[in-house]
């Protein structure tokens, strides 16, 4: 069996980092207001600005928390069930940050 784990939102809580960035320059958005991937539309944030800012957050990858504790042991358990691939649609400029 093949198992794919996405980076953004599945392994890495990049929205947490983005909220810190965004809340410094826009009206405050709480994490509980983030209910779907394109939540930025309801806050009238330009799509290109959102993705550019999200990409910028990856430059400080060390500050991006995991989505849950013990992800390595969960991934290990999954690898006992099948082949685990870590996938992402991040732009190439973030490759080294995402890999770290």
PDB file of N, CA and C in Angstrom:
ATOM      1  N   UNK A   1       0.838  -1.166   0.000  1.00  0.00           N
ATOM      2  CA  UNK A   1       0.000   0.000   0.000  1.00  0.00           C
ATOM      3  C   UNK A   1       0.897   1.248   0.000  1.00  0.00           C
ATOM      4  N   UNK A   2       0.474   2.253  -0.757  1.00  0.00           N
ATOM      5  CA  UNK A   2       1.192   3.529  -0.775  1.00  0.00           C
ATOM      6  C   UNK A   2       0.425   4.543   0.068  1.00  0.00           C
ATOM      7  N   UNK A   3       1.165   5.264   0.882  1.00  0.00           N
ATOM      8  CA  UNK A   3       0.585   6.276   1.764  1.00  0.00           C
ATOM      9  C   UNK A   3       1.307   7.590   1.502  1.00  0.00           C
ATOM     10  N   UNK A   4       0.554   8.643   1.196  1.00  0.00           N
ATOM     11  CA  UNK A   4       1.146   9.960   0.950  1.00  0.00           C
ATOM     12  C   UNK A   4       0.774  10.900   2.095  1.00  0.00           C
ATOM     13  N   UNK A   5       1.775  11.569   2.631  1.00  0.00           N
ATOM     14  CA  UNK A   5       1.564  12.565   3.675  1.00  0.00           C
ATOM     15  C   UNK A   5       1.956  13.931   3.130  1.00  0.00           C
ATOM     16  N   UNK A   6       0.999  14.827   3.082  1.00  0.00           N
ATOM     17  CA  UNK A   6       1.273  16.177   2.605  1.00  0.00           C
ATOM     18  C   UNK A   6       2.026  16.952   3.690  1.00  0.00           C
ATOM     19  N   UNK A   7       2.793  17.938   3.274  1.00  0.00           N
ATOM     20  CA  UNK A   7       3.559  18.739   4.227  1.00  0.00           C
ATOM     21  C   UNK A   7       2.655  19.808   4.856  1.00  0.00           C
ATOM     22  N   UNK A   8       2.151  20.732   4.042  1.00  0.00           N
ATOM     23  CA  UNK A   8       1.359  21.857   4.557  1.00  0.00           C
ATOM     24  C   UNK A   8       0.030  21.384   5.128  1.00  0.00           C
ATOM     25  N   UNK A   9      -0.132  21.590   6.421  1.00  0.00           N
ATOM     26  CA  UNK A   9      -1.403  21.285   7.061  1.00  0.00           C
ATOM     27  C   UNK A   9      -1.561  19.855   7.540  1.00  0.00           C
ATOM     28  N   UNK A  10      -0.703  18.956   7.082  1.00  0.00           N
ATOM     29  CA  UNK A  10      -0.769  17.562   7.527  1.00  0.00           C
ATOM     30  C   UNK A  10       0.403  17.266   8.461  1.00  0.00           C
ATOM     31  N   UNK A  11       1.597  17.602   8.032  1.00  0.00           N
ATOM     32  CA  UNK A  11       2.788  17.416   8.868  1.00  0.00           C
ATOM     33  C   UNK A  11       3.233  18.721   9.518  1.00  0.00           C
ATOM     34  N   UNK A  12       3.190  19.793   8.761  1.00  0.00           N
ATOM     35  CA  UNK A  12       3.681  21.096   9.243  1.00  0.00           C
ATOM     36  C   UNK A  12       2.521  22.088   9.363  1.00  0.00           C
ATOM     37  N   UNK A  13       2.417  22.713  10.510  1.00  0.00           N
ATOM     38  CA  UNK A  13       1.355  23.688  10.747  1.00  0.00           C
ATOM     39  C   UNK A  13       1.825  25.079  10.320  1.00  0.00           C
ATOM     40  N   UNK A  14       2.042  25.227   9.024  1.00  0.00           N
ATOM     41  CA  UNK A  14       2.562  26.491   8.493  1.00  0.00           C
ATOM     42  C   UNK A  14       1.569  27.632   8.685  1.00  0.00           C
ATOM     43  N   UNK A  15       0.295  27.330   8.816  1.00  0.00           N
ATOM     44  CA  UNK A  15      -0.696  28.378   9.040  1.00  0.00           C
ATOM     45  C   UNK A  15      -0.432  29.087  10.365  1.00  0.00           C
ATOM     46  N   UNK A  16       0.043  28.348  11.343  1.00  0.00           N
ATOM     47  CA  UNK A  16       0.393  28.955  12.641  1.00  0.00           C
ATOM     48  C   UNK A  16       1.431  30.064  12.442  1.00  0.00           C
ATOM     49  N   UNK A  17       2.456  29.783  11.667  1.00  0.00           N
ATOM     50  CA  UNK A  17       3.490  30.790  11.375  1.00  0.00           C
ATOM     51  C   UNK A  17       2.930  31.929  10.539  1.00  0.00           C
ATOM     52  N   UNK A  18       2.096  31.579   9.561  1.00  0.00           N
ATOM     53  CA  UNK A  18       1.517  32.614   8.710  1.00  0.00           C
ATOM     54  C   UNK A  18       0.631  33.554   9.526  1.00  0.00           C
ATOM     55  N   UNK A  19      -0.132  33.016  10.476  1.00  0.00           N
ATOM     56  CA  UNK A  19      -0.998  33.867  11.300  1.00  0.00           C
ATOM     57  C   UNK A  19      -0.186  34.893  12.093  1.00  0.00           C
ATOM     58  N   UNK A  20       0.938  34.477  12.615  1.00  0.00           N
ATOM     59  CA  UNK A  20       1.808  35.408  13.347  1.00  0.00           C
ATOM     60  C   UNK A  20       2.232  36.550  12.430  1.00  0.00           C
ATOM     61  N   UNK A  21       2.645  36.184  11.205  1.00  0.00           N
ATOM     62  CA  UNK A  21       3.046  37.184  10.214  1.00  0.00           C
ATOM     63  C   UNK A  21       1.871  38.088   9.848  1.00  0.00           C
ATOM     64  N   UNK A  22       0.766  37.490   9.473  1.00  0.00           N
ATOM     65  CA  UNK A  22      -0.400  38.236   8.990  1.00  0.00           C
ATOM     66  C   UNK A  22      -0.984  39.144  10.059  1.00  0.00           C
ATOM     67  N   UNK A  23      -1.045  38.658  11.292  1.00  0.00           N
ATOM     68  CA  UNK A  23      -1.669  39.434  12.361  1.00  0.00           C
ATOM     69  C   UNK A  23      -0.877  40.686  12.738  1.00  0.00           C
ATOM     70  N   UNK A  24       0.357  40.787  12.254  1.00  0.00           N
ATOM     71  CA  UNK A  24       1.142  42.001  12.475  1.00  0.00           C
ATOM     72  C   UNK A  24       0.756  43.106  11.498  1.00  0.00           C
ATOM     73  N   UNK A  25       0.149  42.727  10.363  1.00  0.00           N
ATOM     74  CA  UNK A  25      -0.135  43.733   9.339  1.00  0.00           C
ATOM     75  C   UNK A  25      -1.599  43.839   8.935  1.00  0.00           C
ATOM     76  N   UNK A  26      -2.427  42.946   9.440  1.00  0.00           N
ATOM     77  CA  UNK A  26      -3.853  42.947   9.099  1.00  0.00           C
ATOM     78  C   UNK A  26      -4.675  42.806  10.372  1.00  0.00           C
ATOM     79  N   UNK A  27      -5.983  42.983  10.236  1.00  0.00           N
ATOM     80  CA  UNK A  27      -6.827  42.674  11.396  1.00  0.00           C
ATOM     81  C   UNK A  27      -6.603  41.218  11.825  1.00  0.00           C
ATOM     82  N   UNK A  28      -6.642  41.012  13.115  1.00  0.00           N
ATOM     83  CA  UNK A  28      -6.325  39.706  13.713  1.00  0.00           C
ATOM     84  C   UNK A  28      -7.240  38.595  13.209  1.00  0.00           C
ATOM     85  N   UNK A  29      -6.625  37.478  12.854  1.00  0.00           N
ATOM     86  CA  UNK A  29      -7.335  36.256  12.477  1.00  0.00           C
ATOM     87  C   UNK A  29      -6.942  35.202  13.500  1.00  0.00           C
ATOM     88  N   UNK A  30      -7.924  34.558  14.068  1.00  0.00           N
ATOM     89  CA  UNK A  30      -7.665  33.485  15.028  1.00  0.00           C
ATOM     90  C   UNK A  30      -7.590  32.145  14.310  1.00  0.00           C
ATOM     91  N   UNK A  31      -6.832  31.232  14.868  1.00  0.00           N
ATOM     92  CA  UNK A  31      -6.672  29.930  14.226  1.00  0.00           C
ATOM     93  C   UNK A  31      -8.011  29.222  14.067  1.00  0.00           C
ATOM     94  N   UNK A  32      -8.900  29.397  15.027  1.00  0.00           N
ATOM     95  CA  UNK A  32     -10.205  28.736  14.905  1.00  0.00           C
ATOM     96  C   UNK A  32     -11.046  29.283  13.750  1.00  0.00           C
ATOM     97  N   UNK A  33     -10.637  30.432  13.189  1.00  0.00           N
ATOM     98  CA  UNK A  33     -11.311  30.971  12.007  1.00  0.00           C
ATOM     99  C   UNK A  33     -10.814  30.330  10.713  1.00  0.00           C
ATOM    100  N   UNK A  34      -9.759  29.544  10.821  1.00  0.00           N
ATOM    101  CA  UNK A  34      -9.198  28.860   9.647  1.00  0.00           C
ATOM    102  C   UNK A  34      -9.869  27.491   9.567  1.00  0.00           C
ATOM    103  N   UNK A  35     -10.880  27.407   8.704  1.00  0.00           N
ATOM    104  CA  UNK A  35     -11.674  26.180   8.629  1.00  0.00           C
ATOM    105  C   UNK A  35     -11.501  25.429   7.313  1.00  0.00           C
ATOM    106  N   UNK A  36     -10.915  26.065   6.327  1.00  0.00           N
ATOM    107  CA  UNK A  36     -10.648  25.409   5.048  1.00  0.00           C
ATOM    108  C   UNK A  36      -9.417  26.050   4.413  1.00  0.00           C
ATOM    109  N   UNK A  37      -8.896  25.409   3.377  1.00  0.00           N
ATOM    110  CA  UNK A  37      -7.633  25.858   2.803  1.00  0.00           C
ATOM    111  C   UNK A  37      -7.715  27.267   2.213  1.00  0.00           C
ATOM    112  N   UNK A  38      -8.834  27.610   1.607  1.00  0.00           N
ATOM    113  CA  UNK A  38      -8.929  28.938   0.986  1.00  0.00           C
ATOM    114  C   UNK A  38      -9.652  29.943   1.900  1.00  0.00           C
ATOM    115  N   UNK A  39      -9.423  29.803   3.201  1.00  0.00           N
ATOM    116  CA  UNK A  39     -10.014  30.696   4.199  1.00  0.00           C
ATOM    117  C   UNK A  39      -9.685  32.157   3.932  1.00  0.00           C
ATOM    118  N   UNK A  40      -8.546  32.412   3.301  1.00  0.00           N
ATOM    119  CA  UNK A  40      -8.081  33.775   3.053  1.00  0.00           C
ATOM    120  C   UNK A  40      -9.079  34.574   2.226  1.00  0.00           C
ATOM    121  N   UNK A  41      -9.916  33.879   1.441  1.00  0.00           N
ATOM    122  CA  UNK A  41     -10.927  34.580   0.631  1.00  0.00           C
ATOM    123  C   UNK A  41     -11.924  35.331   1.510  1.00  0.00           C
ATOM    124  N   UNK A  42     -12.362  34.687   2.594  1.00  0.00           N
ATOM    125  CA  UNK A  42     -13.364  35.339   3.435  1.00  0.00           C
ATOM    126  C   UNK A  42     -12.796  36.524   4.205  1.00  0.00           C
ATOM    127  N   UNK A  43     -11.472  36.636   4.266  1.00  0.00           N
ATOM    128  CA  UNK A  43     -10.823  37.781   4.912  1.00  0.00           C
ATOM    129  C   UNK A  43     -10.321  38.787   3.879  1.00  0.00           C
ATOM    130  N   UNK A  44     -10.731  38.559   2.623  1.00  0.00           N
ATOM    131  CA  UNK A  44     -10.385  39.447   1.508  1.00  0.00           C
ATOM    132  C   UNK A  44      -8.889  39.649   1.367  1.00  0.00           C
ATOM    133  N   UNK A  45      -8.149  38.554   1.515  1.00  0.00           N
ATOM    134  CA  UNK A  45      -6.707  38.573   1.312  1.00  0.00           C
ATOM    135  C   UNK A  45      -6.449  38.108  -0.115  1.00  0.00           C
ATOM    136  N   UNK A  46      -5.667  38.849  -0.826  1.00  0.00           N
ATOM    137  CA  UNK A  46      -5.325  38.503  -2.199  1.00  0.00           C
ATOM    138  C   UNK A  46      -4.623  37.146  -2.249  1.00  0.00           C
ATOM    139  N   UNK A  47      -5.056  36.305  -3.146  1.00  0.00           N
ATOM    140  CA  UNK A  47      -4.504  34.951  -3.269  1.00  0.00           C
ATOM    141  C   UNK A  47      -2.992  34.964  -3.454  1.00  0.00           C
ATOM    142  N   UNK A  48      -2.510  35.853  -4.311  1.00  0.00           N
ATOM    143  CA  UNK A  48      -1.073  35.913  -4.583  1.00  0.00           C
ATOM    144  C   UNK A  48      -0.294  36.387  -3.356  1.00  0.00           C
ATOM    145  N   UNK A  49      -0.873  37.338  -2.616  1.00  0.00           N
ATOM    146  CA  UNK A  49      -0.240  37.784  -1.373  1.00  0.00           C
ATOM    147  C   UNK A  49      -0.172  36.638  -0.368  1.00  0.00           C
ATOM    148  N   UNK A  50      -1.272  35.908  -0.224  1.00  0.00           N
ATOM    149  CA  UNK A  50      -1.311  34.794   0.726  1.00  0.00           C
ATOM    150  C   UNK A  50      -0.229  33.771   0.409  1.00  0.00           C
ATOM    151  N   UNK A  51      -0.167  33.326  -0.844  1.00  0.00           N
ATOM    152  CA  UNK A  51       0.813  32.298  -1.205  1.00  0.00           C
ATOM    153  C   UNK A  51       2.253  32.812  -1.111  1.00  0.00           C
ATOM    154  N   UNK A  52       2.455  34.070  -1.437  1.00  0.00           N
ATOM    155  CA  UNK A  52       3.794  34.660  -1.304  1.00  0.00           C
ATOM    156  C   UNK A  52       4.207  34.689   0.167  1.00  0.00           C
ATOM    157  N   UNK A  53       3.285  35.081   1.030  1.00  0.00           N
ATOM    158  CA  UNK A  53       3.568  35.140   2.463  1.00  0.00           C
ATOM    159  C   UNK A  53       3.791  33.748   3.037  1.00  0.00           C
ATOM    160  N   UNK A  54       3.004  32.787   2.592  1.00  0.00           N
ATOM    161  CA  UNK A  54       3.159  31.416   3.056  1.00  0.00           C
ATOM    162  C   UNK A  54       4.530  30.878   2.660  1.00  0.00           C
ATOM    163  N   UNK A  55       4.945  31.169   1.444  1.00  0.00           N
ATOM    164  CA  UNK A  55       6.269  30.771   0.979  1.00  0.00           C
ATOM    165  C   UNK A  55       7.349  31.421   1.835  1.00  0.00           C
ATOM    166  N   UNK A  56       7.154  32.683   2.160  1.00  0.00           N
ATOM    167  CA  UNK A  56       8.118  33.393   2.986  1.00  0.00           C
ATOM    168  C   UNK A  56       8.242  32.768   4.379  1.00  0.00           C
ATOM    169  N   UNK A  57       7.140  32.272   4.911  1.00  0.00           N
ATOM    170  CA  UNK A  57       7.164  31.627   6.234  1.00  0.00           C
ATOM    171  C   UNK A  57       8.103  30.430   6.252  1.00  0.00           C
ATOM    172  N   UNK A  58       8.226  29.741   5.123  1.00  0.00           N
ATOM    173  CA  UNK A  58       9.090  28.554   5.073  1.00  0.00           C
ATOM    174  C   UNK A  58      10.562  28.910   5.227  1.00  0.00           C
ATOM    175  N   UNK A  59      10.931  30.143   4.957  1.00  0.00           N
ATOM    176  CA  UNK A  59      12.335  30.544   5.138  1.00  0.00           C
ATOM    177  C   UNK A  59      12.749  30.446   6.594  1.00  0.00           C
ATOM    178  N   UNK A  60      11.780  30.549   7.488  1.00  0.00           N
ATOM    179  CA  UNK A  60      12.033  30.392   8.916  1.00  0.00           C
ATOM    180  C   UNK A  60      11.400  29.063   9.360  1.00  0.00           C
ATOM    181  N   UNK A  61      11.748  28.005   8.655  1.00  0.00           N
ATOM    182  CA  UNK A  61      11.127  26.687   8.849  1.00  0.00           C
ATOM    183  C   UNK A  61      11.227  26.188  10.279  1.00  0.00           C
ATOM    184  N   UNK A  62      12.249  26.575  10.994  1.00  0.00           N
ATOM    185  CA  UNK A  62      12.442  26.095  12.364  1.00  0.00           C
ATOM    186  C   UNK A  62      11.290  26.533  13.276  1.00  0.00           C
ATOM    187  N   UNK A  63      10.605  27.620  12.908  1.00  0.00           N
ATOM    188  CA  UNK A  63       9.505  28.115  13.739  1.00  0.00           C
ATOM    189  C   UNK A  63       8.157  27.481  13.384  1.00  0.00           C
ATOM    190  N   UNK A  64       8.129  26.655  12.347  1.00  0.00           N
ATOM    191  CA  UNK A  64       6.872  26.020  11.944  1.00  0.00           C
ATOM    192  C   UNK A  64       6.664  24.761  12.782  1.00  0.00           C
ATOM    193  N   UNK A  65       5.615  24.756  13.588  1.00  0.00           N
ATOM    194  CA  UNK A  65       5.398  23.597  14.453  1.00  0.00           C
ATOM    195  C   UNK A  65       4.790  22.416  13.689  1.00  0.00           C
ATOM    196  N   UNK A  66       4.970  21.217  14.206  1.00  0.00           N
ATOM    197  CA  UNK A  66       4.285  20.073  13.610  1.00  0.00           C
ATOM    198  C   UNK A  66       2.783  20.172  13.907  1.00  0.00           C
ATOM    199  N   UNK A  67       1.981  19.482  13.141  1.00  0.00           N
ATOM    200  CA  UNK A  67       0.533  19.536  13.352  1.00  0.00           C
ATOM    201  C   UNK A  67       0.102  18.757  14.581  1.00  0.00           C
ATOM    202  N   UNK A  68       0.943  17.816  15.014  1.00  0.00           N
ATOM    203  CA  UNK A  68       0.652  17.058  16.227  1.00  0.00           C
ATOM    204  C   UNK A  68       1.945  16.516  16.803  1.00  0.00           C
ATOM    205  N   UNK A  69       1.890  16.127  18.061  1.00  0.00           N
ATOM    206  CA  UNK A  69       3.073  15.560  18.700  1.00  0.00           C
ATOM    207  C   UNK A  69       3.310  14.145  18.172  1.00  0.00           C
ATOM    208  N   UNK A  70       4.541  13.708  18.283  1.00  0.00           N
ATOM    209  CA  UNK A  70       4.924  12.328  17.936  1.00  0.00           C
ATOM    210  C   UNK A  70       4.691  11.967  16.469  1.00  0.00           C
ATOM    211  N   UNK A  71       4.870  12.933  15.573  1.00  0.00           N
ATOM    212  CA  UNK A  71       4.690  12.644  14.152  1.00  0.00           C
ATOM    213  C   UNK A  71       5.662  11.583  13.647  1.00  0.00           C
ATOM    214  N   UNK A  72       6.860  11.559  14.199  1.00  0.00           N
ATOM    215  CA  UNK A  72       7.827  10.563  13.732  1.00  0.00           C
ATOM    216  C   UNK A  72       7.355   9.150  14.075  1.00  0.00           C
ATOM    217  N   UNK A  73       6.800   8.946  15.262  1.00  0.00           N
ATOM    218  CA  UNK A  73       6.328   7.605  15.607  1.00  0.00           C
ATOM    219  C   UNK A  73       5.070   7.244  14.819  1.00  0.00           C
ATOM    220  N   UNK A  74       4.223   8.227  14.550  1.00  0.00           N
ATOM    221  CA  UNK A  74       3.038   7.980  13.721  1.00  0.00           C
ATOM    222  C   UNK A  74       3.460   7.607  12.309  1.00  0.00           C
ATOM    223  N   UNK A  75       4.446   8.318  11.770  1.00  0.00           N
ATOM    224  CA  UNK A  75       4.952   8.005  10.428  1.00  0.00           C
ATOM    225  C   UNK A  75       5.576   6.619  10.397  1.00  0.00           C
ATOM    226  N   UNK A  76       6.291   6.269  11.442  1.00  0.00           N
ATOM    227  CA  UNK A  76       6.905   4.945  11.544  1.00  0.00           C
ATOM    228  C   UNK A  76       5.829   3.857  11.542  1.00  0.00           C
ATOM    229  N   UNK A  77       4.765   4.074  12.302  1.00  0.00           N
ATOM    230  CA  UNK A  77       3.652   3.121  12.332  1.00  0.00           C
ATOM    231  C   UNK A  77       3.046   2.975  10.941  1.00  0.00           C
ATOM    232  N   UNK A  78       2.861   4.091  10.258  1.00  0.00           N
ATOM    233  CA  UNK A  78       2.316   4.046   8.896  1.00  0.00           C
ATOM    234  C   UNK A  78       3.249   3.300   7.955  1.00  0.00           C
ATOM    235  N   UNK A  79       4.566   3.467   8.158  1.00  0.00           N
ATOM    236  CA  UNK A  79       5.526   2.789   7.274  1.00  0.00           C
ATOM    237  C   UNK A  79       5.484   1.269   7.453  1.00  0.00           C
ATOM    238  N   UNK A  80       4.967   0.813   8.581  1.00  0.00           N
ATOM    239  CA  UNK A  80       4.774  -0.626   8.768  1.00  0.00           C
ATOM    240  C   UNK A  80       3.582  -1.143   7.963  1.00  0.00           C
ATOM    241  N   UNK A  81       2.701  -0.228   7.568  1.00  0.00           N
ATOM    242  CA  UNK A  81       1.521  -0.605   6.775  1.00  0.00           C
ATOM    243  C   UNK A  81       1.768  -0.522   5.280  1.00  0.00           C
ATOM    244  N   UNK A  82       2.745   0.296   4.881  1.00  0.00           N
ATOM    245  CA  UNK A  82       3.014   0.477   3.457  1.00  0.00           C
ATOM    246  C   UNK A  82       4.123   1.483   3.225  1.00  0.00           C
ATOM    247  N   UNK A  83       4.296   1.835   1.976  1.00  0.00           N
ATOM    248  CA  UNK A  83       5.329   2.810   1.586  1.00  0.00           C
ATOM    249  C   UNK A  83       4.814   4.216   1.874  1.00  0.00           C
ATOM    250  N   UNK A  84       5.546   4.950   2.688  1.00  0.00           N
ATOM    251  CA  UNK A  84       5.157   6.318   3.041  1.00  0.00           C
ATOM    252  C   UNK A  84       5.967   7.297   2.201  1.00  0.00           C
ATOM    253  N   UNK A  85       5.262   8.170   1.510  1.00  0.00           N
ATOM    254  CA  UNK A  85       5.895   9.247   0.750  1.00  0.00           C
ATOM    255  C   UNK A  85       5.445  10.571   1.343  1.00  0.00           C
ATOM    256  N   UNK A  86       6.391  11.481   1.512  1.00  0.00           N
ATOM    257  CA  UNK A  86       6.082  12.837   1.971  1.00  0.00           C
ATOM    258  C   UNK A  86       5.999  13.686   0.713  1.00  0.00           C
ATOM    259  N   UNK A  87       4.854  14.349   0.524  1.00  0.00           N
ATOM    260  CA  UNK A  87       4.610  15.090  -0.713  1.00  0.00           C
ATOM    261  C   UNK A  87       4.264  16.540  -0.405  1.00  0.00           C
ATOM    262  N   UNK A  88       4.453  17.371  -1.404  1.00  0.00           N
ATOM    263  CA  UNK A  88       4.084  18.783  -1.272  1.00  0.00           C
ATOM    264  C   UNK A  88       3.950  19.416  -2.651  1.00  0.00           C
ATOM    265  N   UNK A  89       3.181  20.464  -2.688  1.00  0.00           N
ATOM    266  CA  UNK A  89       3.057  21.256  -3.913  1.00  0.00           C
ATOM    267  C   UNK A  89       3.719  22.614  -3.723  1.00  0.00           C
ATOM    268  N   UNK A  90       4.593  22.728  -2.728  1.00  0.00           N
ATOM    269  CA  UNK A  90       5.314  23.968  -2.456  1.00  0.00           C
ATOM    270  C   UNK A  90       6.135  24.348  -3.677  1.00  0.00           C
ATOM    271  N   UNK A  91       6.368  25.625  -3.820  1.00  0.00           N
ATOM    272  CA  UNK A  91       7.203  26.054  -4.945  1.00  0.00           C
ATOM    273  C   UNK A  91       8.670  25.714  -4.673  1.00  0.00           C
ATOM    274  N   UNK A  92       9.412  25.552  -5.740  1.00  0.00           N
ATOM    275  CA  UNK A  92      10.798  25.070  -5.665  1.00  0.00           C
ATOM    276  C   UNK A  92      11.692  25.896  -4.741  1.00  0.00           C
ATOM    277  N   UNK A  93      11.420  27.185  -4.638  1.00  0.00           N
ATOM    278  CA  UNK A  93      12.286  28.038  -3.806  1.00  0.00           C
ATOM    279  C   UNK A  93      12.250  27.619  -2.329  1.00  0.00           C
ATOM    280  N   UNK A  94      11.265  26.826  -1.941  1.00  0.00           N
ATOM    281  CA  UNK A  94      11.151  26.406  -0.532  1.00  0.00           C
ATOM    282  C   UNK A  94      11.677  24.980  -0.311  1.00  0.00           C
ATOM    283  N   UNK A  95      12.151  24.319  -1.351  1.00  0.00           N
ATOM    284  CA  UNK A  95      12.576  22.916  -1.240  1.00  0.00           C
ATOM    285  C   UNK A  95      13.515  22.641  -0.065  1.00  0.00           C
ATOM    286  N   UNK A  96      14.579  23.398   0.038  1.00  0.00           N
ATOM    287  CA  UNK A  96      15.553  23.120   1.097  1.00  0.00           C
ATOM    288  C   UNK A  96      14.953  23.363   2.479  1.00  0.00           C
ATOM    289  N   UNK A  97      14.093  24.368   2.604  1.00  0.00           N
ATOM    290  CA  UNK A  97      13.460  24.663   3.891  1.00  0.00           C
ATOM    291  C   UNK A  97      12.493  23.552   4.275  1.00  0.00           C
ATOM    292  N   UNK A  98      11.699  23.102   3.324  1.00  0.00           N
ATOM    293  CA  UNK A  98      10.721  22.038   3.581  1.00  0.00           C
ATOM    294  C   UNK A  98      11.444  20.730   3.940  1.00  0.00           C
ATOM    295  N   UNK A  99      12.521  20.436   3.252  1.00  0.00           N
ATOM    296  CA  UNK A  99      13.270  19.212   3.553  1.00  0.00           C
ATOM    297  C   UNK A  99      13.861  19.247   4.957  1.00  0.00           C
ATOM    298  N   UNK A 100      14.299  20.425   5.376  1.00  0.00           N
ATOM    299  CA  UNK A 100      14.829  20.554   6.743  1.00  0.00           C
ATOM    300  C   UNK A 100      13.729  20.305   7.760  1.00  0.00           C
TER     301      UNK A 100
END
